[in-house]
C-alpha atoms as a PDB file:
ATOM      1  CA  UNK A   1      23.113  15.375 -19.934  1.00  0.00           C
ATOM      2  CA  UNK A   2      21.247  12.670 -22.040  1.00  0.00           C
ATOM      3  CA  UNK A   3      17.743  11.201 -20.341  1.00  0.00           C
ATOM      4  CA  UNK A   4      17.456   7.558 -21.407  1.00  0.00           C
ATOM      5  CA  UNK A   5      14.565   6.309 -23.610  1.00  0.00           C
ATOM      6  CA  UNK A   6      11.741   4.716 -21.779  1.00  0.00           C
ATOM      7  CA  UNK A   7      11.511   0.900 -22.754  1.00  0.00           C
ATOM      8  CA  UNK A   8       8.293  -0.726 -23.922  1.00  0.00           C
ATOM      9  CA  UNK A   9       6.628  -2.793 -20.893  1.00  0.00           C
ATOM     10  CA  UNK A  10       4.782  -5.870 -21.788  1.00  0.00           C
ATOM     11  CA  UNK A  11       2.420  -6.794 -18.539  1.00  0.00           C
ATOM     12  CA  UNK A  12       1.967 -10.555 -18.272  1.00  0.00           C
ATOM     13  CA  UNK A  13       0.213 -11.833 -15.247  1.00  0.00           C
ATOM     14  CA  UNK A  14       1.849 -15.227 -14.128  1.00  0.00           C
ATOM     15  CA  UNK A  15      -0.347 -18.258 -13.182  1.00  0.00           C
ATOM     16  CA  UNK A  16      -0.069 -17.581  -9.448  1.00  0.00           C
ATOM     17  CA  UNK A  17      -1.047 -13.607 -10.186  1.00  0.00           C
ATOM     18  CA  UNK A  18      -4.155 -13.225  -7.442  1.00  0.00           C
ATOM     19  CA  UNK A  19      -6.157 -10.223  -6.498  1.00  0.00           C
ATOM     20  CA  UNK A  20      -7.322  -9.610  -3.202  1.00  0.00           C
ATOM     21  CA  UNK A  21      -8.778  -6.868  -1.254  1.00  0.00           C
ATOM     22  CA  UNK A  22      -7.096  -5.562   1.824  1.00  0.00           C
ATOM     23  CA  UNK A  23      -8.260  -2.771   4.228  1.00  0.00           C
ATOM     24  CA  UNK A  24      -4.865  -3.303   6.546  1.00  0.00           C
ATOM     25  CA  UNK A  25      -1.418  -2.666   5.346  1.00  0.00           C
ATOM     26  CA  UNK A  26       1.366  -2.967   7.903  1.00  0.00           C
ATOM     27  CA  UNK A  27       4.789  -1.473   6.884  1.00  0.00           C
ATOM     28  CA  UNK A  28       8.008  -2.725   8.542  1.00  0.00           C
ATOM     29  CA  UNK A  29      11.383  -1.126   7.363  1.00  0.00           C
ATOM     30  CA  UNK A  30      14.954  -2.092   7.633  1.00  0.00           C
ATOM     31  CA  UNK A  31      18.037  -0.582   5.826  1.00  0.00           C
ATOM     32  CA  UNK A  32      17.727  -3.141   2.796  1.00  0.00           C
ATOM     33  CA  UNK A  33      14.036  -3.106   2.098  1.00  0.00           C
ATOM     34  CA  UNK A  34      10.499  -2.133   2.804  1.00  0.00           C
ATOM     35  CA  UNK A  35       8.219  -5.073   3.940  1.00  0.00           C
ATOM     36  CA  UNK A  36       4.403  -4.440   3.466  1.00  0.00           C
ATOM     37  CA  UNK A  37       2.138  -6.910   5.078  1.00  0.00           C
ATOM     38  CA  UNK A  38      -1.462  -6.605   3.781  1.00  0.00           C
ATOM     39  CA  UNK A  39      -4.650  -8.430   5.426  1.00  0.00           C
ATOM     40  CA  UNK A  40      -7.983  -7.717   6.419  1.00  0.00           C
ATOM     41  CA  UNK A  41      -9.451  -6.058   9.427  1.00  0.00           C
ATOM     42  CA  UNK A  42     -12.588  -7.691  11.407  1.00  0.00           C
ATOM     43  CA  UNK A  43     -14.075  -6.033  14.223  1.00  0.00           C
ATOM     44  CA  UNK A  44     -14.705  -9.279  16.808  1.00  0.00           C
ATOM     45  CA  UNK A  45     -16.231  -7.030  19.300  1.00  0.00           C
ATOM     46  CA  UNK A  46     -16.390  -3.432  20.817  1.00  0.00           C
ATOM     47  CA  UNK A  47     -12.598  -3.369  21.937  1.00  0.00           C
ATOM     48  CA  UNK A  48     -11.228  -6.290  19.876  1.00  0.00           C
ATOM     49  CA  UNK A  49     -10.313  -6.155  16.192  1.00  0.00           C
ATOM     50  CA  UNK A  50      -8.767  -8.883  14.332  1.00  0.00           C
ATOM     51  CA  UNK A  51      -6.288  -8.743  11.298  1.00  0.00           C
ATOM     52  CA  UNK A  52      -6.010 -11.614   8.993  1.00  0.00           C
ATOM     53  CA  UNK A  53      -2.903 -11.143   7.325  1.00  0.00           C
ATOM     54  CA  UNK A  54      -2.646 -12.690   3.913  1.00  0.00           C
ATOM     55  CA  UNK A  55       0.357 -11.408   1.815  1.00  0.00           C
ATOM     56  CA  UNK A  56       3.894  -9.737   2.559  1.00  0.00           C
ATOM     57  CA  UNK A  57       5.493  -8.022  -0.177  1.00  0.00           C
ATOM     58  CA  UNK A  58       9.284  -6.940   0.115  1.00  0.00           C
ATOM     59  CA  UNK A  59       9.989  -3.767  -1.852  1.00  0.00           C
ATOM     60  CA  UNK A  60      13.272  -1.957  -2.476  1.00  0.00           C
ATOM     61  CA  UNK A  61      13.628   1.470  -0.858  1.00  0.00           C
ATOM     62  CA  UNK A  62      13.851   2.470  -4.592  1.00  0.00           C
ATOM     63  CA  UNK A  63      10.675   0.781  -5.509  1.00  0.00           C
ATOM     64  CA  UNK A  64       9.126   1.939  -1.975  1.00  0.00           C
ATOM     65  CA  UNK A  65       9.652   5.815  -3.064  1.00  0.00           C
ATOM     66  CA  UNK A  66       8.116   5.261  -6.582  1.00  0.00           C
ATOM     67  CA  UNK A  67       4.784   3.290  -4.709  1.00  0.00           C
ATOM     68  CA  UNK A  68       4.755   6.422  -2.517  1.00  0.00           C
ATOM     69  CA  UNK A  69       4.903   9.038  -5.785  1.00  0.00           C
ATOM     70  CA  UNK A  70       2.441   7.287  -7.927  1.00  0.00           C
ATOM     71  CA  UNK A  71      -0.047   6.577  -4.837  1.00  0.00           C
ATOM     72  CA  UNK A  72       0.197  10.198  -3.852  1.00  0.00           C
ATOM     73  CA  UNK A  73      -0.926  11.270  -7.483  1.00  0.00           C
ATOM     74  CA  UNK A  74      -3.624   8.443  -7.898  1.00  0.00           C
ATOM     75  CA  UNK A  75      -5.066   9.895  -4.145  1.00  0.00           C
ATOM     76  CA  UNK A  76      -4.934  13.300  -5.418  1.00  0.00           C
ATOM     77  CA  UNK A  77      -6.792  12.581  -8.522  1.00  0.00           C
ATOM     78  CA  UNK A  78      -9.310  10.577  -6.439  1.00  0.00           C
ATOM     79  CA  UNK A  79      -9.970  13.647  -3.825  1.00  0.00           C
ATOM     80  CA  UNK A  80     -10.165  15.731  -6.986  1.00  0.00           C
ATOM     81  CA  UNK A  81     -12.846  13.669  -8.394  1.00  0.00           C
ATOM     82  CA  UNK A  82     -14.717  12.855  -5.361  1.00  0.00           C
ATOM     83  CA  UNK A  83     -13.491  14.872  -2.421  1.00  0.00           C
ATOM     84  CA  UNK A  84     -11.529  14.573   0.552  1.00  0.00           C
ATOM     85  CA  UNK A  85     -10.782  11.145   1.803  1.00  0.00           C
ATOM     86  CA  UNK A  86     -11.378  11.023   5.771  1.00  0.00           C
ATOM     87  CA  UNK A  87      -8.936   9.158   8.128  1.00  0.00           C
ATOM     88  CA  UNK A  88     -10.191   7.935  11.241  1.00  0.00           C
ATOM     89  CA  UNK A  89      -8.648  10.172  14.191  1.00  0.00           C
ATOM     90  CA  UNK A  90      -7.552   7.552  16.192  1.00  0.00           C
ATOM     91  CA  UNK A  91      -5.278   6.276  13.080  1.00  0.00           C
ATOM     92  CA  UNK A  92      -3.380   9.816  13.073  1.00  0.00           C
ATOM     93  CA  UNK A  93      -1.486   9.570  16.257  1.00  0.00           C
ATOM     94  CA  UNK A  94       0.823   7.066  14.639  1.00  0.00           C
ATOM     95  CA  UNK A  95       1.759   3.606  14.758  1.00  0.00           C
ATOM     96  CA  UNK A  96       0.249   0.863  12.170  1.00  0.00           C
ATOM     97  CA  UNK A  97      -2.438   2.030  10.059  1.00  0.00           C
ATOM     98  CA  UNK A  98      -5.048  -0.667   9.316  1.00  0.00           C
END
């Protein structure tokens, strides 16, 4: 079986390109795509949290799986260099991760 050669990529930022910080991501899934909603989480009070969503991105299932793989690779590299990333135990039970 022949493996196709990798094409050369030229990365170009469009005029609409922006960079933002997100400490919240919500994932919605249906049969056709994955929808990632990015936002910033802000503690408003002891029992009140506000999430301000600023960008939604649709991914094909194939692109979502590729993103998962590259994130796993990069998280493993980060932890190898800087130590284990600890998650808030309240978020480990399931549901949205913010």
